[in-house]
């Protein structure tokens, strides 16, 4: 877990540094940090009763469920559509980082 947190911190720092360095060239750099997202790959590894396993695991999040692939994609599309946003880390995790 410590290694995962270190990598996340490094990616966030790199995002901010690149945003400052590339701003004069009008290149925007942002990051989306995803929490638990329900995807076909996750379902293939969850076992025979994937619905029950995913529902049980997602119940610990403040929103009480895993995110959907559509919700994850919407956050990336938001960053692409906003031409004045750079150097930001958008967290899409159903509030898990709050607990």
PDB file of N, CA and C in Angstrom:
ATOM      1  N   UNK A   1       0.817  -1.195   0.000  1.00  0.00           N
ATOM      2  CA  UNK A   1       0.000   0.000   0.000  1.00  0.00           C
ATOM      3  C   UNK A   1       0.862   1.260   0.000  1.00  0.00           C
ATOM      4  N   UNK A   2       1.966   1.223   0.744  1.00  0.00           N
ATOM      5  CA  UNK A   2       2.850   2.384   0.803  1.00  0.00           C
ATOM      6  C   UNK A   2       3.414   2.712  -0.571  1.00  0.00           C
ATOM      7  N   UNK A   3       3.784   1.681  -1.325  1.00  0.00           N
ATOM      8  CA  UNK A   3       4.328   1.911  -2.669  1.00  0.00           C
ATOM      9  C   UNK A   3       3.274   2.543  -3.570  1.00  0.00           C
ATOM     10  N   UNK A   4       2.026   2.106  -3.449  1.00  0.00           N
ATOM     11  CA  UNK A   4       0.944   2.663  -4.257  1.00  0.00           C
ATOM     12  C   UNK A   4       0.738   4.139  -3.932  1.00  0.00           C
ATOM     13  N   UNK A   5       0.772   4.492  -2.659  1.00  0.00           N
ATOM     14  CA  UNK A   5       0.627   5.894  -2.270  1.00  0.00           C
ATOM     15  C   UNK A   5       1.803   6.729  -2.758  1.00  0.00           C
ATOM     16  N   UNK A   6       2.994   6.160  -2.737  1.00  0.00           N
ATOM     17  CA  UNK A   6       4.170   6.875  -3.240  1.00  0.00           C
ATOM     18  C   UNK A   6       4.044   7.160  -4.726  1.00  0.00           C
ATOM     19  N   UNK A   7       3.569   6.185  -5.470  1.00  0.00           N
ATOM     20  CA  UNK A   7       3.386   6.372  -6.914  1.00  0.00           C
ATOM     21  C   UNK A   7       2.327   7.432  -7.175  1.00  0.00           C
ATOM     22  N   UNK A   8       1.226   7.401  -6.434  1.00  0.00           N
ATOM     23  CA  UNK A   8       0.169   8.393  -6.617  1.00  0.00           C
ATOM     24  C   UNK A   8       0.706   9.792  -6.334  1.00  0.00           C
ATOM     25  N   UNK A   9       1.491   9.942  -5.286  1.00  0.00           N
ATOM     26  CA  UNK A   9       2.083  11.238  -4.974  1.00  0.00           C
ATOM     27  C   UNK A   9       3.043  11.705  -6.046  1.00  0.00           C
ATOM     28  N   UNK A  10       3.816  10.781  -6.594  1.00  0.00           N
ATOM     29  CA  UNK A  10       4.760  11.121  -7.660  1.00  0.00           C
ATOM     30  C   UNK A  10       4.023  11.575  -8.919  1.00  0.00           C
ATOM     31  N   UNK A  11       2.932  10.900  -9.256  1.00  0.00           N
ATOM     32  CA  UNK A  11       2.152  11.279 -10.447  1.00  0.00           C
ATOM     33  C   UNK A  11       1.539  12.665 -10.250  1.00  0.00           C
ATOM     34  N   UNK A  12       1.034  12.944  -9.055  1.00  0.00           N
ATOM     35  CA  UNK A  12       0.462  14.263  -8.791  1.00  0.00           C
ATOM     36  C   UNK A  12       1.518  15.354  -8.883  1.00  0.00           C
ATOM     37  N   UNK A  13       2.691  15.108  -8.340  1.00  0.00           N
ATOM     38  CA  UNK A  13       3.783  16.088  -8.407  1.00  0.00           C
ATOM     39  C   UNK A  13       4.236  16.290  -9.842  1.00  0.00           C
ATOM     40  N   UNK A  14       4.351  15.211 -10.603  1.00  0.00           N
ATOM     41  CA  UNK A  14       4.736  15.312 -12.010  1.00  0.00           C
ATOM     42  C   UNK A  14       3.692  16.099 -12.799  1.00  0.00           C
ATOM     43  N   UNK A  15       2.418  15.880 -12.503  1.00  0.00           N
ATOM     44  CA  UNK A  15       1.343  16.611 -13.180  1.00  0.00           C
ATOM     45  C   UNK A  15       1.511  18.111 -12.989  1.00  0.00           C
ATOM     46  N   UNK A  16       1.743  18.515 -11.755  1.00  0.00           N
ATOM     47  CA  UNK A  16       1.880  19.948 -11.458  1.00  0.00           C
ATOM     48  C   UNK A  16       3.141  20.539 -12.100  1.00  0.00           C
ATOM     49  N   UNK A  17       4.238  19.802 -12.022  1.00  0.00           N
ATOM     50  CA  UNK A  17       5.496  20.293 -12.592  1.00  0.00           C
ATOM     51  C   UNK A  17       5.401  20.425 -14.113  1.00  0.00           C
ATOM     52  N   UNK A  18       4.837  19.435 -14.764  1.00  0.00           N
ATOM     53  CA  UNK A  18       4.689  19.493 -16.222  1.00  0.00           C
ATOM     54  C   UNK A  18       3.720  20.590 -16.644  1.00  0.00           C
ATOM     55  N   UNK A  19       2.671  20.804 -15.852  1.00  0.00           N
ATOM     56  CA  UNK A  19       1.715  21.864 -16.182  1.00  0.00           C
ATOM     57  C   UNK A  19       2.398  23.223 -16.203  1.00  0.00           C
ATOM     58  N   UNK A  20       3.274  23.472 -15.232  1.00  0.00           N
ATOM     59  CA  UNK A  20       4.000  24.746 -15.175  1.00  0.00           C
ATOM     60  C   UNK A  20       4.997  24.837 -16.329  1.00  0.00           C
ATOM     61  N   UNK A  21       5.716  23.753 -16.570  1.00  0.00           N
ATOM     62  CA  UNK A  21       6.745  23.768 -17.607  1.00  0.00           C
ATOM     63  C   UNK A  21       6.166  23.897 -19.011  1.00  0.00           C
ATOM     64  N   UNK A  22       5.020  23.275 -19.255  1.00  0.00           N
ATOM     65  CA  UNK A  22       4.455  23.253 -20.608  1.00  0.00           C
ATOM     66  C   UNK A  22       3.411  24.342 -20.856  1.00  0.00           C
ATOM     67  N   UNK A  23       3.085  25.124 -19.829  1.00  0.00           N
ATOM     68  CA  UNK A  23       2.070  26.169 -19.985  1.00  0.00           C
ATOM     69  C   UNK A  23       2.411  27.182 -21.079  1.00  0.00           C
ATOM     70  N   UNK A  24       3.663  27.619 -21.205  1.00  0.00           N
ATOM     71  CA  UNK A  24       3.958  28.579 -22.285  1.00  0.00           C
ATOM     72  C   UNK A  24       3.647  28.031 -23.680  1.00  0.00           C
ATOM     73  N   UNK A  25       3.719  26.731 -23.849  1.00  0.00           N
ATOM     74  CA  UNK A  25       3.399  26.119 -25.146  1.00  0.00           C
ATOM     75  C   UNK A  25       1.903  25.809 -25.257  1.00  0.00           C
ATOM     76  N   UNK A  26       1.138  26.239 -24.238  1.00  0.00           N
ATOM     77  CA  UNK A  26      -0.313  26.011 -24.184  1.00  0.00           C
ATOM     78  C   UNK A  26      -0.686  24.536 -24.172  1.00  0.00           C
ATOM     79  N   UNK A  27       0.166  23.752 -23.534  1.00  0.00           N
ATOM     80  CA  UNK A  27      -0.111  22.332 -23.333  1.00  0.00           C
ATOM     81  C   UNK A  27      -0.649  22.185 -21.922  1.00  0.00           C
ATOM     82  N   UNK A  28      -1.813  21.568 -21.791  1.00  0.00           N
ATOM     83  CA  UNK A  28      -2.421  21.368 -20.478  1.00  0.00           C
ATOM     84  C   UNK A  28      -2.102  19.969 -19.981  1.00  0.00           C
ATOM     85  N   UNK A  29      -1.849  19.848 -18.692  1.00  0.00           N
ATOM     86  CA  UNK A  29      -1.528  18.561 -18.082  1.00  0.00           C
ATOM     87  C   UNK A  29      -2.418  18.393 -16.850  1.00  0.00           C
ATOM     88  N   UNK A  30      -3.240  17.370 -16.846  1.00  0.00           N
ATOM     89  CA  UNK A  30      -4.116  17.057 -15.729  1.00  0.00           C
ATOM     90  C   UNK A  30      -4.076  15.557 -15.474  1.00  0.00           C
ATOM     91  N   UNK A  31      -4.547  15.160 -14.309  1.00  0.00           N
ATOM     92  CA  UNK A  31      -4.569  13.745 -13.943  1.00  0.00           C
ATOM     93  C   UNK A  31      -5.925  13.405 -13.350  1.00  0.00           C
ATOM     94  N   UNK A  32      -6.413  12.219 -13.653  1.00  0.00           N
ATOM     95  CA  UNK A  32      -7.612  11.702 -12.999  1.00  0.00           C
ATOM     96  C   UNK A  32      -7.178  10.534 -12.124  1.00  0.00           C
ATOM     97  N   UNK A  33      -7.501  10.638 -10.841  1.00  0.00           N
ATOM     98  CA  UNK A  33      -7.179   9.565  -9.903  1.00  0.00           C
ATOM     99  C   UNK A  33      -8.487   8.830  -9.603  1.00  0.00           C
ATOM    100  N   UNK A  34      -8.547   7.598 -10.073  1.00  0.00           N
ATOM    101  CA  UNK A  34      -9.772   6.816  -9.923  1.00  0.00           C
ATOM    102  C   UNK A  34      -9.739   5.975  -8.654  1.00  0.00           C
ATOM    103  N   UNK A  35     -10.891   5.811  -8.078  1.00  0.00           N
ATOM    104  CA  UNK A  35     -11.080   4.867  -6.983  1.00  0.00           C
ATOM    105  C   UNK A  35     -11.564   3.547  -7.559  1.00  0.00           C
ATOM    106  N   UNK A  36     -12.527   2.962  -6.913  1.00  0.00           N
ATOM    107  CA  UNK A  36     -13.065   1.668  -7.355  1.00  0.00           C
ATOM    108  C   UNK A  36     -14.067   1.885  -8.480  1.00  0.00           C
ATOM    109  N   UNK A  37     -13.737   1.369  -9.650  1.00  0.00           N
ATOM    110  CA  UNK A  37     -14.581   1.513 -10.827  1.00  0.00           C
ATOM    111  C   UNK A  37     -14.991   0.123 -11.302  1.00  0.00           C
ATOM    112  N   UNK A  38     -16.286  -0.058 -11.510  1.00  0.00           N
ATOM    113  CA  UNK A  38     -16.844  -1.323 -11.979  1.00  0.00           C
ATOM    114  C   UNK A  38     -16.607  -1.435 -13.490  1.00  0.00           C
ATOM    115  N   UNK A  39     -15.738  -2.357 -13.875  1.00  0.00           N
ATOM    116  CA  UNK A  39     -15.403  -2.565 -15.284  1.00  0.00           C
ATOM    117  C   UNK A  39     -15.537  -4.043 -15.632  1.00  0.00           C
ATOM    118  N   UNK A  40     -15.595  -4.381 -16.919  1.00  0.00           N
ATOM    119  CA  UNK A  40     -15.642  -5.792 -17.297  1.00  0.00           C
ATOM    120  C   UNK A  40     -14.436  -6.584 -16.789  1.00  0.00           C
ATOM    121  N   UNK A  41     -13.252  -5.975 -16.765  1.00  0.00           N
ATOM    122  CA  UNK A  41     -12.079  -6.669 -16.257  1.00  0.00           C
ATOM    123  C   UNK A  41     -12.241  -6.986 -14.776  1.00  0.00           C
ATOM    124  N   UNK A  42     -12.732  -6.035 -14.000  1.00  0.00           N
ATOM    125  CA  UNK A  42     -12.973  -6.275 -12.584  1.00  0.00           C
ATOM    126  C   UNK A  42     -13.975  -7.406 -12.400  1.00  0.00           C
ATOM    127  N   UNK A  43     -15.031  -7.394 -13.173  1.00  0.00           N
ATOM    128  CA  UNK A  43     -16.055  -8.432 -13.057  1.00  0.00           C
ATOM    129  C   UNK A  43     -15.500  -9.816 -13.421  1.00  0.00           C
ATOM    130  N   UNK A  44     -14.572  -9.861 -14.359  1.00  0.00           N
ATOM    131  CA  UNK A  44     -14.014 -11.158 -14.750  1.00  0.00           C
ATOM    132  C   UNK A  44     -13.130 -11.747 -13.657  1.00  0.00           C
ATOM    133  N   UNK A  45     -12.603 -10.890 -12.785  1.00  0.00           N
ATOM    134  CA  UNK A  45     -11.754 -11.390 -11.705  1.00  0.00           C
ATOM    135  C   UNK A  45     -12.504 -11.528 -10.382  1.00  0.00           C
ATOM    136  N   UNK A  46     -13.762 -11.081 -10.340  1.00  0.00           N
ATOM    137  CA  UNK A  46     -14.522 -11.090  -9.090  1.00  0.00           C
ATOM    138  C   UNK A  46     -15.134 -12.446  -8.771  1.00  0.00           C
ATOM    139  N   UNK A  47     -15.129 -13.356  -9.716  1.00  0.00           N
ATOM    140  CA  UNK A  47     -15.674 -14.685  -9.451  1.00  0.00           C
ATOM    141  C   UNK A  47     -17.065 -14.872 -10.023  1.00  0.00           C
ATOM    142  N   UNK A  48     -17.707 -15.958  -9.611  1.00  0.00           N
ATOM    143  CA  UNK A  48     -19.010 -16.321 -10.162  1.00  0.00           C
ATOM    144  C   UNK A  48     -20.093 -15.321  -9.795  1.00  0.00           C
ATOM    145  N   UNK A  49     -20.120 -14.865  -8.568  1.00  0.00           N
ATOM    146  CA  UNK A  49     -21.152 -13.919  -8.141  1.00  0.00           C
ATOM    147  C   UNK A  49     -20.561 -12.510  -8.075  1.00  0.00           C
ATOM    148  N   UNK A  50     -20.196 -11.983  -9.242  1.00  0.00           N
ATOM    149  CA  UNK A  50     -19.521 -10.686  -9.322  1.00  0.00           C
ATOM    150  C   UNK A  50     -20.395  -9.571  -8.773  1.00  0.00           C
ATOM    151  N   UNK A  51     -21.701  -9.617  -9.057  1.00  0.00           N
ATOM    152  CA  UNK A  51     -22.584  -8.554  -8.571  1.00  0.00           C
ATOM    153  C   UNK A  51     -22.543  -8.437  -7.057  1.00  0.00           C
ATOM    154  N   UNK A  52     -22.636  -9.568  -6.372  1.00  0.00           N
ATOM    155  CA  UNK A  52     -22.636  -9.561  -4.906  1.00  0.00           C
ATOM    156  C   UNK A  52     -21.276  -9.124  -4.361  1.00  0.00           C
ATOM    157  N   UNK A  53     -20.200  -9.601  -4.977  1.00  0.00           N
ATOM    158  CA  UNK A  53     -18.856  -9.248  -4.505  1.00  0.00           C
ATOM    159  C   UNK A  53     -18.586  -7.758  -4.682  1.00  0.00           C
ATOM    160  N   UNK A  54     -18.973  -7.206  -5.812  1.00  0.00           N
ATOM    161  CA  UNK A  54     -18.754  -5.783  -6.077  1.00  0.00           C
ATOM    162  C   UNK A  54     -19.644  -4.926  -5.186  1.00  0.00           C
ATOM    163  N   UNK A  55     -20.879  -5.347  -4.979  1.00  0.00           N
ATOM    164  CA  UNK A  55     -21.784  -4.602  -4.094  1.00  0.00           C
ATOM    165  C   UNK A  55     -21.264  -4.601  -2.660  1.00  0.00           C
ATOM    166  N   UNK A  56     -20.775  -5.733  -2.205  1.00  0.00           N
ATOM    167  CA  UNK A  56     -20.251  -5.818  -0.832  1.00  0.00           C
ATOM    168  C   UNK A  56     -19.009  -4.947  -0.664  1.00  0.00           C
ATOM    169  N   UNK A  57     -18.109  -5.000  -1.624  1.00  0.00           N
ATOM    170  CA  UNK A  57     -16.880  -4.209  -1.540  1.00  0.00           C
ATOM    171  C   UNK A  57     -17.179  -2.711  -1.663  1.00  0.00           C
ATOM    172  N   UNK A  58     -18.128  -2.355  -2.493  1.00  0.00           N
ATOM    173  CA  UNK A  58     -18.460  -0.949  -2.692  1.00  0.00           C
ATOM    174  C   UNK A  58     -19.249  -0.334  -1.555  1.00  0.00           C
ATOM    175  N   UNK A  59     -19.848  -1.151  -0.727  1.00  0.00           N
ATOM    176  CA  UNK A  59     -20.684  -0.625   0.357  1.00  0.00           C
ATOM    177  C   UNK A  59     -19.901   0.169   1.392  1.00  0.00           C
ATOM    178  N   UNK A  60     -18.579   0.004   1.436  1.00  0.00           N
ATOM    179  CA  UNK A  60     -17.769   0.745   2.405  1.00  0.00           C
ATOM    180  C   UNK A  60     -17.488   2.186   1.966  1.00  0.00           C
ATOM    181  N   UNK A  61     -17.724   2.509   0.708  1.00  0.00           N
ATOM    182  CA  UNK A  61     -17.506   3.879   0.218  1.00  0.00           C
ATOM    183  C   UNK A  61     -18.646   4.773   0.692  1.00  0.00           C
ATOM    184  N   UNK A  62     -18.394   6.061   0.895  1.00  0.00           N
ATOM    185  CA  UNK A  62     -19.467   6.962   1.324  1.00  0.00           C
ATOM    186  C   UNK A  62     -20.694   6.944   0.400  1.00  0.00           C
ATOM    187  N   UNK A  63     -20.491   6.793  -0.895  1.00  0.00           N
ATOM    188  CA  UNK A  63     -21.638   6.712  -1.798  1.00  0.00           C
ATOM    189  C   UNK A  63     -22.223   5.302  -1.860  1.00  0.00           C
ATOM    190  N   UNK A  64     -21.546   4.332  -1.243  1.00  0.00           N
ATOM    191  CA  UNK A  64     -22.101   2.998  -1.100  1.00  0.00           C
ATOM    192  C   UNK A  64     -22.034   2.106  -2.323  1.00  0.00           C
ATOM    193  N   UNK A  65     -21.182   2.431  -3.273  1.00  0.00           N
ATOM    194  CA  UNK A  65     -21.085   1.618  -4.489  1.00  0.00           C
ATOM    195  C   UNK A  65     -19.790   1.922  -5.222  1.00  0.00           C
ATOM    196  N   UNK A  66     -19.476   1.082  -6.183  1.00  0.00           N
ATOM    197  CA  UNK A  66     -18.367   1.347  -7.098  1.00  0.00           C
ATOM    198  C   UNK A  66     -18.840   2.372  -8.126  1.00  0.00           C
ATOM    199  N   UNK A  67     -17.899   3.096  -8.702  1.00  0.00           N
ATOM    200  CA  UNK A  67     -18.234   3.988  -9.795  1.00  0.00           C
ATOM    201  C   UNK A  67     -18.430   3.197 -11.075  1.00  0.00           C
ATOM    202  N   UNK A  68     -19.040   3.817 -12.049  1.00  0.00           N
ATOM    203  CA  UNK A  68     -19.237   3.166 -13.348  1.00  0.00           C
ATOM    204  C   UNK A  68     -18.173   3.655 -14.329  1.00  0.00           C
ATOM    205  N   UNK A  69     -17.975   2.900 -15.378  1.00  0.00           N
ATOM    206  CA  UNK A  69     -17.026   3.308 -16.418  1.00  0.00           C
ATOM    207  C   UNK A  69     -17.469   4.628 -17.048  1.00  0.00           C
ATOM    208  N   UNK A  70     -18.769   4.828 -17.165  1.00  0.00           N
ATOM    209  CA  UNK A  70     -19.286   6.073 -17.734  1.00  0.00           C
ATOM    210  C   UNK A  70     -18.948   7.264 -16.845  1.00  0.00           C
ATOM    211  N   UNK A  71     -19.032   7.085 -15.522  1.00  0.00           N
ATOM    212  CA  UNK A  71     -18.678   8.165 -14.598  1.00  0.00           C
ATOM    213  C   UNK A  71     -17.187   8.477 -14.667  1.00  0.00           C
ATOM    214  N   UNK A  72     -16.385   7.446 -14.801  1.00  0.00           N
ATOM    215  CA  UNK A  72     -14.938   7.645 -14.934  1.00  0.00           C
ATOM    216  C   UNK A  72     -14.624   8.390 -16.226  1.00  0.00           C
ATOM    217  N   UNK A  73     -15.256   7.994 -17.306  1.00  0.00           N
ATOM    218  CA  UNK A  73     -15.021   8.652 -18.593  1.00  0.00           C
ATOM    219  C   UNK A  73     -15.482  10.104 -18.570  1.00  0.00           C
ATOM    220  N   UNK A  74     -16.564  10.392 -17.880  1.00  0.00           N
ATOM    221  CA  UNK A  74     -17.081  11.760 -17.813  1.00  0.00           C
ATOM    222  C   UNK A  74     -16.063  12.702 -17.167  1.00  0.00           C
ATOM    223  N   UNK A  75     -15.323  12.209 -16.176  1.00  0.00           N
ATOM    224  CA  UNK A  75     -14.326  13.069 -15.544  1.00  0.00           C
ATOM    225  C   UNK A  75     -13.185  13.390 -16.507  1.00  0.00           C
ATOM    226  N   UNK A  76     -12.774  12.412 -17.292  1.00  0.00           N
ATOM    227  CA  UNK A  76     -11.725  12.656 -18.285  1.00  0.00           C
ATOM    228  C   UNK A  76     -12.225  13.608 -19.375  1.00  0.00           C
ATOM    229  N   UNK A  77     -13.463  13.436 -19.797  1.00  0.00           N
ATOM    230  CA  UNK A  77     -14.030  14.330 -20.808  1.00  0.00           C
ATOM    231  C   UNK A  77     -14.149  15.760 -20.286  1.00  0.00           C
ATOM    232  N   UNK A  78     -14.483  15.908 -19.014  1.00  0.00           N
ATOM    233  CA  UNK A  78     -14.549  17.241 -18.411  1.00  0.00           C
ATOM    234  C   UNK A  78     -13.196  17.938 -18.513  1.00  0.00           C
ATOM    235  N   UNK A  79     -12.130  17.222 -18.177  1.00  0.00           N
ATOM    236  CA  UNK A  79     -10.799  17.826 -18.246  1.00  0.00           C
ATOM    237  C   UNK A  79     -10.412  18.178 -19.678  1.00  0.00           C
ATOM    238  N   UNK A  80     -10.806  17.359 -20.625  1.00  0.00           N
ATOM    239  CA  UNK A  80     -10.480  17.654 -22.028  1.00  0.00           C
ATOM    240  C   UNK A  80     -11.268  18.848 -22.544  1.00  0.00           C
ATOM    241  N   UNK A  81     -12.502  19.016 -22.063  1.00  0.00           N
ATOM    242  CA  UNK A  81     -13.359  20.093 -22.562  1.00  0.00           C
ATOM    243  C   UNK A  81     -13.027  21.448 -21.946  1.00  0.00           C
ATOM    244  N   UNK A  82     -12.406  21.459 -20.777  1.00  0.00           N
ATOM    245  CA  UNK A  82     -12.112  22.707 -20.084  1.00  0.00           C
ATOM    246  C   UNK A  82     -10.714  23.187 -20.467  1.00  0.00           C
ATOM    247  N   UNK A  83     -10.659  24.157 -21.355  1.00  0.00           N
ATOM    248  CA  UNK A  83      -9.375  24.632 -21.878  1.00  0.00           C
ATOM    249  C   UNK A  83      -8.593  25.503 -20.905  1.00  0.00           C
ATOM    250  N   UNK A  84      -9.179  25.848 -19.771  1.00  0.00           N
ATOM    251  CA  UNK A  84      -8.496  26.715 -18.821  1.00  0.00           C
ATOM    252  C   UNK A  84      -8.051  25.953 -17.577  1.00  0.00           C
ATOM    253  N   UNK A  85      -8.100  24.660 -17.620  1.00  0.00           N
ATOM    254  CA  UNK A  85      -7.750  23.843 -16.459  1.00  0.00           C
ATOM    255  C   UNK A  85      -6.449  23.113 -16.737  1.00  0.00           C
ATOM    256  N   UNK A  86      -5.465  23.317 -15.854  1.00  0.00           N
ATOM    257  CA  UNK A  86      -4.193  22.628 -15.990  1.00  0.00           C
ATOM    258  C   UNK A  86      -3.562  22.447 -14.613  1.00  0.00           C
ATOM    259  N   UNK A  87      -2.790  21.391 -14.475  1.00  0.00           N
ATOM    260  CA  UNK A  87      -2.102  21.111 -13.227  1.00  0.00           C
ATOM    261  C   UNK A  87      -2.995  20.562 -12.133  1.00  0.00           C
ATOM    262  N   UNK A  88      -4.145  20.045 -12.494  1.00  0.00           N
ATOM    263  CA  UNK A  88      -5.112  19.585 -11.499  1.00  0.00           C
ATOM    264  C   UNK A  88      -5.169  18.065 -11.424  1.00  0.00           C
ATOM    265  N   UNK A  89      -5.482  17.583 -10.236  1.00  0.00           N
ATOM    266  CA  UNK A  89      -5.713  16.161 -10.010  1.00  0.00           C
ATOM    267  C   UNK A  89      -7.167  16.020  -9.604  1.00  0.00           C
ATOM    268  N   UNK A  90      -7.959  15.383 -10.439  1.00  0.00           N
ATOM    269  CA  UNK A  90      -9.377  15.165 -10.159  1.00  0.00           C
ATOM    270  C   UNK A  90      -9.523  13.763  -9.593  1.00  0.00           C
ATOM    271  N   UNK A  91     -10.108  13.668  -8.405  1.00  0.00           N
ATOM    272  CA  UNK A  91     -10.280  12.380  -7.749  1.00  0.00           C
ATOM    273  C   UNK A  91     -11.717  11.914  -7.926  1.00  0.00           C
ATOM    274  N   UNK A  92     -11.882  10.747  -8.518  1.00  0.00           N
ATOM    275  CA  UNK A  92     -13.186  10.162  -8.760  1.00  0.00           C
ATOM    276  C   UNK A  92     -13.227   8.841  -7.992  1.00  0.00           C
ATOM    277  N   UNK A  93     -13.706   8.921  -6.729  1.00  0.00           N
ATOM    278  CA  UNK A  93     -13.643   7.723  -5.891  1.00  0.00           C
ATOM    279  C   UNK A  93     -14.862   7.543  -4.978  1.00  0.00           C
ATOM    280  N   UNK A  94     -15.929   8.232  -5.259  1.00  0.00           N
ATOM    281  CA  UNK A  94     -17.129   8.075  -4.442  1.00  0.00           C
ATOM    282  C   UNK A  94     -16.952   8.560  -3.022  1.00  0.00           C
ATOM    283  N   UNK A  95     -15.968   9.404  -2.782  1.00  0.00           N
ATOM    284  CA  UNK A  95     -15.719   9.955  -1.458  1.00  0.00           C
ATOM    285  C   UNK A  95     -14.804   9.116  -0.573  1.00  0.00           C
ATOM    286  N   UNK A  96     -14.187   8.082  -1.118  1.00  0.00           N
ATOM    287  CA  UNK A  96     -13.354   7.204  -0.294  1.00  0.00           C
ATOM    288  C   UNK A  96     -12.167   7.914   0.347  1.00  0.00           C
ATOM    289  N   UNK A  97     -11.608   8.913  -0.313  1.00  0.00           N
ATOM    290  CA  UNK A  97     -10.469   9.607   0.287  1.00  0.00           C
ATOM    291  C   UNK A  97     -10.897  10.495   1.452  1.00  0.00           C
ATOM    292  N   UNK A  98     -12.182  10.673   1.641  1.00  0.00           N
ATOM    293  CA  UNK A  98     -12.677  11.478   2.750  1.00  0.00           C
ATOM    294  C   UNK A  98     -12.734  10.700   4.060  1.00  0.00           C
ATOM    295  N   UNK A  99     -12.711   9.389   3.945  1.00  0.00           N
ATOM    296  CA  UNK A  99     -12.849   8.574   5.163  1.00  0.00           C
ATOM    297  C   UNK A  99     -11.523   8.000   5.603  1.00  0.00           C
TER     298      UNK A  99
END
